[in-house]
């Protein structure tokens, strides 16, 4: 089964993404801040991470830095951000992140499509 970790502080966004991914058959874990997220990356071993940038405790850039330091930077990351500022996008590209979603344009179908394009459809265990 394909595993997705959602690191997002906005409960509504986090829960909506989780619901849609579970409906598609992915195994999903959530973390409400970056600090918890880094721990869950190690414990859960996700195939993909959906990562917010602006969060309490540890922001998305700090999570990407921690992943790099822990040797976890091969895990694909899709950024979910309130801002699509070029400086922010350039900064995440330095960590190898190639895809992002702007929350103001948030569409659950877009999230699913991006997840599928990164790691493929989940395998059915039934």
PDB file of N, CA and C in Angstrom:
ATOM      1  N   UNK A   1       0.845  -1.189   0.000  1.00  0.00           N
ATOM      2  CA  UNK A   1       0.000   0.000   0.000  1.00  0.00           C
ATOM      3  C   UNK A   1       0.888   1.249   0.000  1.00  0.00           C
ATOM      4  N   UNK A   2       0.479   2.246  -0.768  1.00  0.00           N
ATOM      5  CA  UNK A   2       1.241   3.499  -0.845  1.00  0.00           C
ATOM      6  C   UNK A   2       0.859   4.385   0.336  1.00  0.00           C
ATOM      7  N   UNK A   3       1.892   4.992   0.945  1.00  0.00           N
ATOM      8  CA  UNK A   3       1.687   5.776   2.160  1.00  0.00           C
ATOM      9  C   UNK A   3       1.971   7.256   1.911  1.00  0.00           C
ATOM     10  N   UNK A   4       1.051   8.097   2.403  1.00  0.00           N
ATOM     11  CA  UNK A   4       1.176   9.550   2.266  1.00  0.00           C
ATOM     12  C   UNK A   4       1.127  10.170   3.654  1.00  0.00           C
ATOM     13  N   UNK A   5       2.079  11.067   3.915  1.00  0.00           N
ATOM     14  CA  UNK A   5       2.098  11.829   5.162  1.00  0.00           C
ATOM     15  C   UNK A   5       1.709  13.265   4.847  1.00  0.00           C
ATOM     16  N   UNK A   6       0.707  13.773   5.558  1.00  0.00           N
ATOM     17  CA  UNK A   6       0.265  15.159   5.404  1.00  0.00           C
ATOM     18  C   UNK A   6       0.781  15.948   6.602  1.00  0.00           C
ATOM     19  N   UNK A   7       1.642  16.926   6.334  1.00  0.00           N
ATOM     20  CA  UNK A   7       2.149  17.808   7.397  1.00  0.00           C
ATOM     21  C   UNK A   7       1.541  19.182   7.134  1.00  0.00           C
ATOM     22  N   UNK A   8       0.499  19.505   7.895  1.00  0.00           N
ATOM     23  CA  UNK A   8      -0.331  20.686   7.623  1.00  0.00           C
ATOM     24  C   UNK A   8      -0.969  21.137   8.923  1.00  0.00           C
ATOM     25  N   UNK A   9      -0.888  22.446   9.223  1.00  0.00           N
ATOM     26  CA  UNK A   9      -1.456  22.932  10.476  1.00  0.00           C
ATOM     27  C   UNK A   9      -2.929  23.315  10.379  1.00  0.00           C
ATOM     28  N   UNK A  10      -3.464  23.500   9.192  1.00  0.00           N
ATOM     29  CA  UNK A  10      -4.877  23.854   9.051  1.00  0.00           C
ATOM     30  C   UNK A  10      -5.716  22.581   9.049  1.00  0.00           C
ATOM     31  N   UNK A  11      -6.477  22.419  10.128  1.00  0.00           N
ATOM     32  CA  UNK A  11      -7.238  21.182  10.343  1.00  0.00           C
ATOM     33  C   UNK A  11      -8.169  20.861   9.180  1.00  0.00           C
ATOM     34  N   UNK A  12      -8.893  21.851   8.665  1.00  0.00           N
ATOM     35  CA  UNK A  12      -9.850  21.596   7.593  1.00  0.00           C
ATOM     36  C   UNK A  12      -9.142  21.053   6.344  1.00  0.00           C
ATOM     37  N   UNK A  13      -8.042  21.693   5.963  1.00  0.00           N
ATOM     38  CA  UNK A  13      -7.286  21.264   4.780  1.00  0.00           C
ATOM     39  C   UNK A  13      -6.718  19.862   5.010  1.00  0.00           C
ATOM     40  N   UNK A  14      -6.131  19.665   6.180  1.00  0.00           N
ATOM     41  CA  UNK A  14      -5.524  18.373   6.536  1.00  0.00           C
ATOM     42  C   UNK A  14      -6.559  17.251   6.473  1.00  0.00           C
ATOM     43  N   UNK A  15      -7.717  17.468   7.084  1.00  0.00           N
ATOM     44  CA  UNK A  15      -8.745  16.432   7.130  1.00  0.00           C
ATOM     45  C   UNK A  15      -9.358  16.154   5.761  1.00  0.00           C
ATOM     46  N   UNK A  16      -9.534  17.199   4.963  1.00  0.00           N
ATOM     47  CA  UNK A  16     -10.086  17.015   3.619  1.00  0.00           C
ATOM     48  C   UNK A  16      -9.126  16.198   2.755  1.00  0.00           C
ATOM     49  N   UNK A  17      -7.852  16.526   2.801  1.00  0.00           N
ATOM     50  CA  UNK A  17      -6.870  15.764   2.019  1.00  0.00           C
ATOM     51  C   UNK A  17      -6.818  14.317   2.493  1.00  0.00           C
ATOM     52  N   UNK A  18      -6.824  14.119   3.808  1.00  0.00           N
ATOM     53  CA  UNK A  18      -6.780  12.761   4.348  1.00  0.00           C
ATOM     54  C   UNK A  18      -7.977  11.952   3.859  1.00  0.00           C
ATOM     55  N   UNK A  19      -9.160  12.547   3.950  1.00  0.00           N
ATOM     56  CA  UNK A  19     -10.389  11.862   3.531  1.00  0.00           C
ATOM     57  C   UNK A  19     -10.308  11.444   2.061  1.00  0.00           C
ATOM     58  N   UNK A  20      -9.894  12.368   1.200  1.00  0.00           N
ATOM     59  CA  UNK A  20      -9.829  12.080  -0.236  1.00  0.00           C
ATOM     60  C   UNK A  20      -8.786  11.008  -0.555  1.00  0.00           C
ATOM     61  N   UNK A  21      -7.644  11.054   0.123  1.00  0.00           N
ATOM     62  CA  UNK A  21      -6.592  10.060  -0.115  1.00  0.00           C
ATOM     63  C   UNK A  21      -7.014   8.686   0.396  1.00  0.00           C
ATOM     64  N   UNK A  22      -7.673   8.641   1.557  1.00  0.00           N
ATOM     65  CA  UNK A  22      -8.170   7.370   2.077  1.00  0.00           C
ATOM     66  C   UNK A  22      -9.201   6.763   1.126  1.00  0.00           C
ATOM     67  N   UNK A  23     -10.081   7.618   0.570  1.00  0.00           N
ATOM     68  CA  UNK A  23     -11.088   7.143  -0.388  1.00  0.00           C
ATOM     69  C   UNK A  23     -10.442   6.493  -1.611  1.00  0.00           C
ATOM     70  N   UNK A  24      -9.278   6.975  -1.998  1.00  0.00           N
ATOM     71  CA  UNK A  24      -8.552   6.428  -3.151  1.00  0.00           C
ATOM     72  C   UNK A  24      -7.753   5.183  -2.804  1.00  0.00           C
ATOM     73  N   UNK A  25      -7.627   4.878  -1.511  1.00  0.00           N
ATOM     74  CA  UNK A  25      -6.949   3.658  -1.114  1.00  0.00           C
ATOM     75  C   UNK A  25      -5.531   3.839  -0.590  1.00  0.00           C
ATOM     76  N   UNK A  26      -5.112   5.083  -0.384  1.00  0.00           N
ATOM     77  CA  UNK A  26      -3.785   5.332   0.189  1.00  0.00           C
ATOM     78  C   UNK A  26      -3.842   5.153   1.705  1.00  0.00           C
ATOM     79  N   UNK A  27      -2.723   4.767   2.294  1.00  0.00           N
ATOM     80  CA  UNK A  27      -2.580   4.776   3.748  1.00  0.00           C
ATOM     81  C   UNK A  27      -2.113   6.183   4.098  1.00  0.00           C
ATOM     82  N   UNK A  28      -2.759   6.824   5.066  1.00  0.00           N
ATOM     83  CA  UNK A  28      -2.484   8.239   5.347  1.00  0.00           C
ATOM     84  C   UNK A  28      -2.230   8.463   6.833  1.00  0.00           C
ATOM     85  N   UNK A  29      -1.200   9.252   7.117  1.00  0.00           N
ATOM     86  CA  UNK A  29      -0.932   9.746   8.470  1.00  0.00           C
ATOM     87  C   UNK A  29      -0.915  11.266   8.386  1.00  0.00           C
ATOM     88  N   UNK A  30      -1.218  11.923   9.514  1.00  0.00           N
ATOM     89  CA  UNK A  30      -1.189  13.383   9.537  1.00  0.00           C
ATOM     90  C   UNK A  30      -0.308  13.876  10.693  1.00  0.00           C
ATOM     91  N   UNK A  31       0.219  15.080  10.495  1.00  0.00           N
ATOM     92  CA  UNK A  31       0.980  15.776  11.537  1.00  0.00           C
ATOM     93  C   UNK A  31       0.565  17.235  11.469  1.00  0.00           C
ATOM     94  N   UNK A  32       0.275  17.821  12.632  1.00  0.00           N
ATOM     95  CA  UNK A  32      -0.227  19.203  12.641  1.00  0.00           C
ATOM     96  C   UNK A  32       0.865  20.248  12.713  1.00  0.00           C
ATOM     97  N   UNK A  33       2.124  19.817  12.797  1.00  0.00           N
ATOM     98  CA  UNK A  33       3.222  20.780  12.711  1.00  0.00           C
ATOM     99  C   UNK A  33       4.476  20.062  12.215  1.00  0.00           C
ATOM    100  N   UNK A  34       5.484  20.840  11.889  1.00  0.00           N
ATOM    101  CA  UNK A  34       6.694  20.279  11.308  1.00  0.00           C
ATOM    102  C   UNK A  34       7.476  19.382  12.243  1.00  0.00           C
ATOM    103  N   UNK A  35       7.481  19.719  13.525  1.00  0.00           N
ATOM    104  CA  UNK A  35       8.236  18.921  14.491  1.00  0.00           C
ATOM    105  C   UNK A  35       7.663  17.504  14.569  1.00  0.00           C
ATOM    106  N   UNK A  36       6.349  17.407  14.695  1.00  0.00           N
ATOM    107  CA  UNK A  36       5.687  16.095  14.709  1.00  0.00           C
ATOM    108  C   UNK A  36       5.893  15.420  13.352  1.00  0.00           C
ATOM    109  N   UNK A  37       5.841  16.223  12.295  1.00  0.00           N
ATOM    110  CA  UNK A  37       6.017  15.695  10.947  1.00  0.00           C
ATOM    111  C   UNK A  37       7.335  14.984  10.745  1.00  0.00           C
ATOM    112  N   UNK A  38       8.420  15.570  11.228  1.00  0.00           N
ATOM    113  CA  UNK A  38       9.746  14.956  11.069  1.00  0.00           C
ATOM    114  C   UNK A  38       9.785  13.607  11.793  1.00  0.00           C
ATOM    115  N   UNK A  39       9.194  13.532  12.976  1.00  0.00           N
ATOM    116  CA  UNK A  39       9.138  12.258  13.705  1.00  0.00           C
ATOM    117  C   UNK A  39       8.324  11.225  12.927  1.00  0.00           C
ATOM    118  N   UNK A  40       7.188  11.670  12.375  1.00  0.00           N
ATOM    119  CA  UNK A  40       6.324  10.738  11.634  1.00  0.00           C
ATOM    120  C   UNK A  40       6.991  10.264  10.346  1.00  0.00           C
ATOM    121  N   UNK A  41       7.816  11.098   9.727  1.00  0.00           N
ATOM    122  CA  UNK A  41       8.531  10.665   8.527  1.00  0.00           C
ATOM    123  C   UNK A  41       9.384   9.448   8.886  1.00  0.00           C
ATOM    124  N   UNK A  42      10.074   9.526  10.018  1.00  0.00           N
ATOM    125  CA  UNK A  42      10.949   8.425  10.445  1.00  0.00           C
ATOM    126  C   UNK A  42      10.143   7.186  10.819  1.00  0.00           C
ATOM    127  N   UNK A  43       9.027   7.366  11.534  1.00  0.00           N
ATOM    128  CA  UNK A  43       8.212   6.243  12.010  1.00  0.00           C
ATOM    129  C   UNK A  43       7.394   5.600  10.890  1.00  0.00           C
ATOM    130  N   UNK A  44       6.749   6.422  10.085  1.00  0.00           N
ATOM    131  CA  UNK A  44       5.749   5.985   9.105  1.00  0.00           C
ATOM    132  C   UNK A  44       6.387   5.556   7.783  1.00  0.00           C
ATOM    133  N   UNK A  45       7.511   6.165   7.427  1.00  0.00           N
ATOM    134  CA  UNK A  45       8.172   5.836   6.167  1.00  0.00           C
ATOM    135  C   UNK A  45       7.291   6.086   4.952  1.00  0.00           C
ATOM    136  N   UNK A  46       6.825   7.321   4.774  1.00  0.00           N
ATOM    137  CA  UNK A  46       5.890   7.605   3.673  1.00  0.00           C
ATOM    138  C   UNK A  46       6.547   7.500   2.298  1.00  0.00           C
ATOM    139  N   UNK A  47       5.698   7.212   1.307  1.00  0.00           N
ATOM    140  CA  UNK A  47       6.133   7.224  -0.097  1.00  0.00           C
ATOM    141  C   UNK A  47       6.107   8.645  -0.645  1.00  0.00           C
ATOM    142  N   UNK A  48       5.313   9.521   0.009  1.00  0.00           N
ATOM    143  CA  UNK A  48       5.136  10.906  -0.430  1.00  0.00           C
ATOM    144  C   UNK A  48       4.736  11.751   0.769  1.00  0.00           C
ATOM    145  N   UNK A  49       5.170  13.025   0.745  1.00  0.00           N
ATOM    146  CA  UNK A  49       4.799  13.968   1.808  1.00  0.00           C
ATOM    147  C   UNK A  49       4.111  15.172   1.182  1.00  0.00           C
ATOM    148  N   UNK A  50       2.963  15.539   1.745  1.00  0.00           N
ATOM    149  CA  UNK A  50       2.290  16.795   1.413  1.00  0.00           C
ATOM    150  C   UNK A  50       2.656  17.744   2.549  1.00  0.00           C
ATOM    151  N   UNK A  51       3.367  18.823   2.222  1.00  0.00           N
ATOM    152  CA  UNK A  51       3.994  19.660   3.242  1.00  0.00           C
ATOM    153  C   UNK A  51       3.591  21.129   3.132  1.00  0.00           C
ATOM    154  N   UNK A  52       3.071  21.648   4.222  1.00  0.00           N
ATOM    155  CA  UNK A  52       2.786  23.084   4.333  1.00  0.00           C
ATOM    156  C   UNK A  52       4.096  23.805   4.629  1.00  0.00           C
ATOM    157  N   UNK A  53       4.171  25.080   4.266  1.00  0.00           N
ATOM    158  CA  UNK A  53       5.375  25.868   4.527  1.00  0.00           C
ATOM    159  C   UNK A  53       5.269  26.623   5.850  1.00  0.00           C
ATOM    160  N   UNK A  54       4.174  27.355   6.047  1.00  0.00           N
ATOM    161  CA  UNK A  54       4.029  28.180   7.246  1.00  0.00           C
ATOM    162  C   UNK A  54       3.283  27.379   8.309  1.00  0.00           C
ATOM    163  N   UNK A  55       4.036  26.966   9.340  1.00  0.00           N
ATOM    164  CA  UNK A  55       3.460  26.173  10.433  1.00  0.00           C
ATOM    165  C   UNK A  55       4.143  26.539  11.744  1.00  0.00           C
ATOM    166  N   UNK A  56       3.458  26.265  12.868  1.00  0.00           N
ATOM    167  CA  UNK A  56       4.098  26.484  14.170  1.00  0.00           C
ATOM    168  C   UNK A  56       5.155  25.414  14.440  1.00  0.00           C
ATOM    169  N   UNK A  57       6.000  25.675  15.402  1.00  0.00           N
ATOM    170  CA  UNK A  57       7.028  24.752  15.892  1.00  0.00           C
ATOM    171  C   UNK A  57       8.195  24.570  14.923  1.00  0.00           C
ATOM    172  N   UNK A  58       7.900  24.241  13.676  1.00  0.00           N
ATOM    173  CA  UNK A  58       8.932  23.993  12.669  1.00  0.00           C
ATOM    174  C   UNK A  58       8.266  24.194  11.317  1.00  0.00           C
ATOM    175  N   UNK A  59       8.776  25.133  10.509  1.00  0.00           N
ATOM    176  CA  UNK A  59       8.131  25.402   9.225  1.00  0.00           C
ATOM    177  C   UNK A  59       8.564  24.382   8.162  1.00  0.00           C
ATOM    178  N   UNK A  60       7.954  24.480   7.001  1.00  0.00           N
ATOM    179  CA  UNK A  60       8.235  23.527   5.930  1.00  0.00           C
ATOM    180  C   UNK A  60       9.682  23.529   5.475  1.00  0.00           C
ATOM    181  N   UNK A  61      10.313  24.701   5.437  1.00  0.00           N
ATOM    182  CA  UNK A  61      11.725  24.767   5.044  1.00  0.00           C
ATOM    183  C   UNK A  61      12.595  24.009   6.051  1.00  0.00           C
ATOM    184  N   UNK A  62      12.255  24.159   7.338  1.00  0.00           N
ATOM    185  CA  UNK A  62      13.005  23.454   8.386  1.00  0.00           C
ATOM    186  C   UNK A  62      12.789  21.938   8.285  1.00  0.00           C
ATOM    187  N   UNK A  63      11.573  21.527   7.916  1.00  0.00           N
ATOM    188  CA  UNK A  63      11.298  20.102   7.709  1.00  0.00           C
ATOM    189  C   UNK A  63      12.150  19.574   6.553  1.00  0.00           C
ATOM    190  N   UNK A  64      12.198  20.321   5.440  1.00  0.00           N
ATOM    191  CA  UNK A  64      13.012  19.897   4.293  1.00  0.00           C
ATOM    192  C   UNK A  64      14.492  19.807   4.680  1.00  0.00           C
ATOM    193  N   UNK A  65      14.966  20.751   5.469  1.00  0.00           N
ATOM    194  CA  UNK A  65      16.356  20.740   5.927  1.00  0.00           C
ATOM    195  C   UNK A  65      16.611  19.516   6.810  1.00  0.00           C
ATOM    196  N   UNK A  66      15.674  19.231   7.720  1.00  0.00           N
ATOM    197  CA  UNK A  66      15.818  18.063   8.604  1.00  0.00           C
ATOM    198  C   UNK A  66      15.801  16.772   7.792  1.00  0.00           C
ATOM    199  N   UNK A  67      14.958  16.707   6.774  1.00  0.00           N
ATOM    200  CA  UNK A  67      14.918  15.517   5.921  1.00  0.00           C
ATOM    201  C   UNK A  67      16.269  15.316   5.234  1.00  0.00           C
ATOM    202  N   UNK A  68      16.841  16.414   4.761  1.00  0.00           N
ATOM    203  CA  UNK A  68      18.147  16.351   4.100  1.00  0.00           C
ATOM    204  C   UNK A  68      19.209  15.833   5.074  1.00  0.00           C
ATOM    205  N   UNK A  69      19.200  16.386   6.290  1.00  0.00           N
ATOM    206  CA  UNK A  69      20.186  15.998   7.309  1.00  0.00           C
ATOM    207  C   UNK A  69      20.033  14.545   7.736  1.00  0.00           C
ATOM    208  N   UNK A  70      18.782  14.034   7.710  1.00  0.00           N
ATOM    209  CA  UNK A  70      18.508  12.658   8.140  1.00  0.00           C
ATOM    210  C   UNK A  70      18.641  11.656   6.989  1.00  0.00           C
ATOM    211  N   UNK A  71      18.992  12.156   5.786  1.00  0.00           N
ATOM    212  CA  UNK A  71      19.104  11.263   4.635  1.00  0.00           C
ATOM    213  C   UNK A  71      17.760  10.805   4.094  1.00  0.00           C
ATOM    214  N   UNK A  72      16.742  11.635   4.266  1.00  0.00           N
ATOM    215  CA  UNK A  72      15.386  11.285   3.839  1.00  0.00           C
ATOM    216  C   UNK A  72      14.917  12.109   2.643  1.00  0.00           C
ATOM    217  N   UNK A  73      15.837  12.820   2.005  1.00  0.00           N
ATOM    218  CA  UNK A  73      15.445  13.745   0.948  1.00  0.00           C
ATOM    219  C   UNK A  73      15.033  13.047  -0.344  1.00  0.00           C
ATOM    220  N   UNK A  74      15.137  11.706  -0.407  1.00  0.00           N
ATOM    221  CA  UNK A  74      14.682  11.006  -1.614  1.00  0.00           C
ATOM    222  C   UNK A  74      13.161  10.847  -1.621  1.00  0.00           C
ATOM    223  N   UNK A  75      12.502  11.091  -0.478  1.00  0.00           N
ATOM    224  CA  UNK A  75      11.039  10.997  -0.420  1.00  0.00           C
ATOM    225  C   UNK A  75      10.455  12.195  -1.160  1.00  0.00           C
ATOM    226  N   UNK A  76       9.588  11.949  -2.163  1.00  0.00           N
ATOM    227  CA  UNK A  76       8.988  13.079  -2.888  1.00  0.00           C
ATOM    228  C   UNK A  76       8.122  13.939  -1.965  1.00  0.00           C
ATOM    229  N   UNK A  77       8.183  15.253  -2.201  1.00  0.00           N
ATOM    230  CA  UNK A  77       7.419  16.221  -1.411  1.00  0.00           C
ATOM    231  C   UNK A  77       6.623  17.105  -2.363  1.00  0.00           C
ATOM    232  N   UNK A  78       5.350  17.302  -2.032  1.00  0.00           N
ATOM    233  CA  UNK A  78       4.521  18.299  -2.719  1.00  0.00           C
ATOM    234  C   UNK A  78       4.212  19.371  -1.683  1.00  0.00           C
ATOM    235  N   UNK A  79       4.564  20.606  -1.999  1.00  0.00           N
ATOM    236  CA  UNK A  79       4.334  21.732  -1.093  1.00  0.00           C
ATOM    237  C   UNK A  79       2.888  22.206  -1.229  1.00  0.00           C
ATOM    238  N   UNK A  80       2.279  22.492  -0.081  1.00  0.00           N
ATOM    239  CA  UNK A  80       0.948  23.094  -0.045  1.00  0.00           C
ATOM    240  C   UNK A  80       1.130  24.413   0.682  1.00  0.00           C
ATOM    241  N   UNK A  81       0.881  25.516  -0.017  1.00  0.00           N
ATOM    242  CA  UNK A  81       1.222  26.816   0.541  1.00  0.00           C
ATOM    243  C   UNK A  81       0.125  27.836   0.276  1.00  0.00           C
ATOM    244  N   UNK A  82       0.053  28.833   1.138  1.00  0.00           N
ATOM    245  CA  UNK A  82      -0.852  29.957   0.919  1.00  0.00           C
ATOM    246  C   UNK A  82      -0.278  30.927  -0.098  1.00  0.00           C
ATOM    247  N   UNK A  83       1.009  30.824  -0.347  1.00  0.00           N
ATOM    248  CA  UNK A  83       1.647  31.795  -1.220  1.00  0.00           C
ATOM    249  C   UNK A  83       2.365  31.074  -2.341  1.00  0.00           C
ATOM    250  N   UNK A  84       2.316  31.646  -3.493  1.00  0.00           N
ATOM    251  CA  UNK A  84       3.058  31.084  -4.611  1.00  0.00           C
ATOM    252  C   UNK A  84       4.184  32.017  -4.992  1.00  0.00           C
ATOM    253  N   UNK A  85       4.738  32.696  -3.987  1.00  0.00           N
ATOM    254  CA  UNK A  85       5.786  33.672  -4.246  1.00  0.00           C
ATOM    255  C   UNK A  85       7.005  33.007  -4.883  1.00  0.00           C
ATOM    256  N   UNK A  86       7.558  33.613  -5.937  1.00  0.00           N
ATOM    257  CA  UNK A  86       8.721  33.032  -6.598  1.00  0.00           C
ATOM    258  C   UNK A  86       9.884  32.746  -5.649  1.00  0.00           C
ATOM    259  N   UNK A  87      10.102  33.600  -4.646  1.00  0.00           N
ATOM    260  CA  UNK A  87      11.217  33.378  -3.717  1.00  0.00           C
ATOM    261  C   UNK A  87      10.995  32.095  -2.912  1.00  0.00           C
ATOM    262  N   UNK A  88       9.744  31.855  -2.522  1.00  0.00           N
ATOM    263  CA  UNK A  88       9.401  30.643  -1.781  1.00  0.00           C
ATOM    264  C   UNK A  88       9.570  29.411  -2.677  1.00  0.00           C
ATOM    265  N   UNK A  89       9.086  29.501  -3.897  1.00  0.00           N
ATOM    266  CA  UNK A  89       9.193  28.391  -4.848  1.00  0.00           C
ATOM    267  C   UNK A  89      10.657  28.090  -5.149  1.00  0.00           C
ATOM    268  N   UNK A  90      11.453  29.130  -5.356  1.00  0.00           N
ATOM    269  CA  UNK A  90      12.884  28.922  -5.610  1.00  0.00           C
ATOM    270  C   UNK A  90      13.557  28.230  -4.431  1.00  0.00           C
ATOM    271  N   UNK A  91      13.153  28.611  -3.218  1.00  0.00           N
ATOM    272  CA  UNK A  91      13.766  28.031  -2.023  1.00  0.00           C
ATOM    273  C   UNK A  91      13.452  26.533  -1.906  1.00  0.00           C
ATOM    274  N   UNK A  92      12.195  26.134  -2.180  1.00  0.00           N
ATOM    275  CA  UNK A  92      11.867  24.710  -2.076  1.00  0.00           C
ATOM    276  C   UNK A  92      12.508  23.908  -3.206  1.00  0.00           C
ATOM    277  N   UNK A  93      12.717  24.551  -4.351  1.00  0.00           N
ATOM    278  CA  UNK A  93      13.392  23.865  -5.458  1.00  0.00           C
ATOM    279  C   UNK A  93      14.826  23.497  -5.090  1.00  0.00           C
ATOM    280  N   UNK A  94      15.451  24.306  -4.236  1.00  0.00           N
ATOM    281  CA  UNK A  94      16.810  23.999  -3.772  1.00  0.00           C
ATOM    282  C   UNK A  94      16.855  22.662  -3.034  1.00  0.00           C
ATOM    283  N   UNK A  95      15.717  22.253  -2.477  1.00  0.00           N
ATOM    284  CA  UNK A  95      15.629  20.969  -1.770  1.00  0.00           C
ATOM    285  C   UNK A  95      15.145  19.845  -2.698  1.00  0.00           C
ATOM    286  N   UNK A  96      15.006  20.155  -3.976  1.00  0.00           N
ATOM    287  CA  UNK A  96      14.582  19.138  -4.929  1.00  0.00           C
ATOM    288  C   UNK A  96      13.077  19.012  -5.091  1.00  0.00           C
ATOM    289  N   UNK A  97      12.311  19.911  -4.462  1.00  0.00           N
ATOM    290  CA  UNK A  97      10.853  19.872  -4.582  1.00  0.00           C
ATOM    291  C   UNK A  97      10.465  20.465  -5.933  1.00  0.00           C
ATOM    292  N   UNK A  98       9.687  19.715  -6.687  1.00  0.00           N
ATOM    293  CA  UNK A  98       9.307  20.158  -8.025  1.00  0.00           C
ATOM    294  C   UNK A  98       7.823  20.501  -8.155  1.00  0.00           C
ATOM    295  N   UNK A  99       7.034  20.208  -7.144  1.00  0.00           N
ATOM    296  CA  UNK A  99       5.593  20.397  -7.294  1.00  0.00           C
ATOM    297  C   UNK A  99       5.004  21.073  -6.067  1.00  0.00           C
ATOM    298  N   UNK A 100       3.997  21.895  -6.290  1.00  0.00           N
ATOM    299  CA  UNK A 100       3.334  22.591  -5.196  1.00  0.00           C
ATOM    300  C   UNK A 100       1.906  22.894  -5.572  1.00  0.00           C
ATOM    301  N   UNK A 101       1.103  23.151  -4.535  1.00  0.00           N
ATOM    302  CA  UNK A 101      -0.306  23.496  -4.670  1.00  0.00           C
ATOM    303  C   UNK A 101      -0.517  24.764  -3.863  1.00  0.00           C
ATOM    304  N   UNK A 102      -1.214  25.720  -4.446  1.00  0.00           N
ATOM    305  CA  UNK A 102      -1.541  26.962  -3.747  1.00  0.00           C
ATOM    306  C   UNK A 102      -2.900  26.769  -3.067  1.00  0.00           C
ATOM    307  N   UNK A 103      -2.948  26.985  -1.754  1.00  0.00           N
ATOM    308  CA  UNK A 103      -4.173  26.722  -0.991  1.00  0.00           C
ATOM    309  C   UNK A 103      -5.363  27.533  -1.475  1.00  0.00           C
ATOM    310  N   UNK A 104      -5.137  28.744  -1.940  1.00  0.00           N
ATOM    311  CA  UNK A 104      -6.270  29.554  -2.398  1.00  0.00           C
ATOM    312  C   UNK A 104      -6.930  28.925  -3.624  1.00  0.00           C
ATOM    313  N   UNK A 105      -6.177  28.127  -4.367  1.00  0.00           N
ATOM    314  CA  UNK A 105      -6.718  27.419  -5.536  1.00  0.00           C
ATOM    315  C   UNK A 105      -6.963  25.947  -5.213  1.00  0.00           C
ATOM    316  N   UNK A 106      -7.037  25.623  -3.935  1.00  0.00           N
ATOM    317  CA  UNK A 106      -7.084  24.241  -3.475  1.00  0.00           C
ATOM    318  C   UNK A 106      -8.232  23.464  -4.106  1.00  0.00           C
ATOM    319  N   UNK A 107      -7.886  22.357  -4.708  1.00  0.00           N
ATOM    320  CA  UNK A 107      -8.862  21.462  -5.327  1.00  0.00           C
ATOM    321  C   UNK A 107      -8.426  20.036  -4.975  1.00  0.00           C
ATOM    322  N   UNK A 108      -9.245  19.308  -4.205  1.00  0.00           N
ATOM    323  CA  UNK A 108      -8.858  17.950  -3.816  1.00  0.00           C
ATOM    324  C   UNK A 108      -8.504  17.057  -5.003  1.00  0.00           C
ATOM    325  N   UNK A 109      -9.169  17.248  -6.148  1.00  0.00           N
ATOM    326  CA  UNK A 109      -8.841  16.444  -7.331  1.00  0.00           C
ATOM    327  C   UNK A 109      -7.419  16.717  -7.801  1.00  0.00           C
ATOM    328  N   UNK A 110      -7.001  17.983  -7.712  1.00  0.00           N
ATOM    329  CA  UNK A 110      -5.628  18.338  -8.098  1.00  0.00           C
ATOM    330  C   UNK A 110      -4.622  17.644  -7.188  1.00  0.00           C
ATOM    331  N   UNK A 111      -4.922  17.604  -5.882  1.00  0.00           N
ATOM    332  CA  UNK A 111      -4.039  16.933  -4.930  1.00  0.00           C
ATOM    333  C   UNK A 111      -3.907  15.455  -5.316  1.00  0.00           C
ATOM    334  N   UNK A 112      -5.037  14.798  -5.536  1.00  0.00           N
ATOM    335  CA  UNK A 112      -5.027  13.376  -5.918  1.00  0.00           C
ATOM    336  C   UNK A 112      -4.223  13.177  -7.198  1.00  0.00           C
ATOM    337  N   UNK A 113      -4.462  14.014  -8.201  1.00  0.00           N
ATOM    338  CA  UNK A 113      -3.740  13.884  -9.478  1.00  0.00           C
ATOM    339  C   UNK A 113      -2.235  14.047  -9.298  1.00  0.00           C
ATOM    340  N   UNK A 114      -1.830  14.993  -8.458  1.00  0.00           N
ATOM    341  CA  UNK A 114      -0.396  15.206  -8.222  1.00  0.00           C
ATOM    342  C   UNK A 114       0.211  14.027  -7.455  1.00  0.00           C
ATOM    343  N   UNK A 115      -0.525  13.500  -6.491  1.00  0.00           N
ATOM    344  CA  UNK A 115      -0.043  12.337  -5.737  1.00  0.00           C
ATOM    345  C   UNK A 115       0.127  11.153  -6.688  1.00  0.00           C
ATOM    346  N   UNK A 116      -0.871  10.910  -7.534  1.00  0.00           N
ATOM    347  CA  UNK A 116      -0.805   9.801  -8.494  1.00  0.00           C
ATOM    348  C   UNK A 116       0.376   9.991  -9.440  1.00  0.00           C
ATOM    349  N   UNK A 117       0.590  11.229  -9.895  1.00  0.00           N
ATOM    350  CA  UNK A 117       1.699  11.448 -10.846  1.00  0.00           C
ATOM    351  C   UNK A 117       3.053  11.236 -10.170  1.00  0.00           C
ATOM    352  N   UNK A 118       3.150  11.435  -8.856  1.00  0.00           N
ATOM    353  CA  UNK A 118       4.401  11.242  -8.125  1.00  0.00           C
ATOM    354  C   UNK A 118       4.660   9.778  -7.769  1.00  0.00           C
ATOM    355  N   UNK A 119       3.634   9.101  -7.218  1.00  0.00           N
ATOM    356  CA  UNK A 119       3.864   7.746  -6.693  1.00  0.00           C
ATOM    357  C   UNK A 119       2.933   6.679  -7.258  1.00  0.00           C
ATOM    358  N   UNK A 120       2.034   7.078  -8.146  1.00  0.00           N
ATOM    359  CA  UNK A 120       1.135   6.102  -8.757  1.00  0.00           C
ATOM    360  C   UNK A 120      -0.098   5.824  -7.892  1.00  0.00           C
ATOM    361  N   UNK A 121      -0.968   5.008  -8.457  1.00  0.00           N
ATOM    362  CA  UNK A 121      -2.191   4.608  -7.764  1.00  0.00           C
ATOM    363  C   UNK A 121      -1.833   3.616  -6.657  1.00  0.00           C
ATOM    364  N   UNK A 122      -2.617   3.652  -5.562  1.00  0.00           N
ATOM    365  CA  UNK A 122      -2.359   2.655  -4.519  1.00  0.00           C
ATOM    366  C   UNK A 122      -2.782   1.267  -5.003  1.00  0.00           C
ATOM    367  N   UNK A 123      -2.137   0.251  -4.497  1.00  0.00           N
ATOM    368  CA  UNK A 123      -2.516  -1.120  -4.837  1.00  0.00           C
ATOM    369  C   UNK A 123      -3.643  -1.530  -3.904  1.00  0.00           C
ATOM    370  N   UNK A 124      -4.632  -2.202  -4.476  1.00  0.00           N
ATOM    371  CA  UNK A 124      -5.730  -2.703  -3.652  1.00  0.00           C
ATOM    372  C   UNK A 124      -5.317  -3.988  -2.978  1.00  0.00           C
ATOM    373  N   UNK A 125      -5.541  -4.075  -1.700  1.00  0.00           N
ATOM    374  CA  UNK A 125      -5.200  -5.282  -0.947  1.00  0.00           C
ATOM    375  C   UNK A 125      -6.386  -6.232  -0.841  1.00  0.00           C
ATOM    376  N   UNK A 126      -7.491  -5.881  -1.518  1.00  0.00           N
ATOM    377  CA  UNK A 126      -8.703  -6.728  -1.429  1.00  0.00           C
ATOM    378  C   UNK A 126      -8.664  -7.824  -2.443  1.00  0.00           C
TER     379      UNK A 126
END
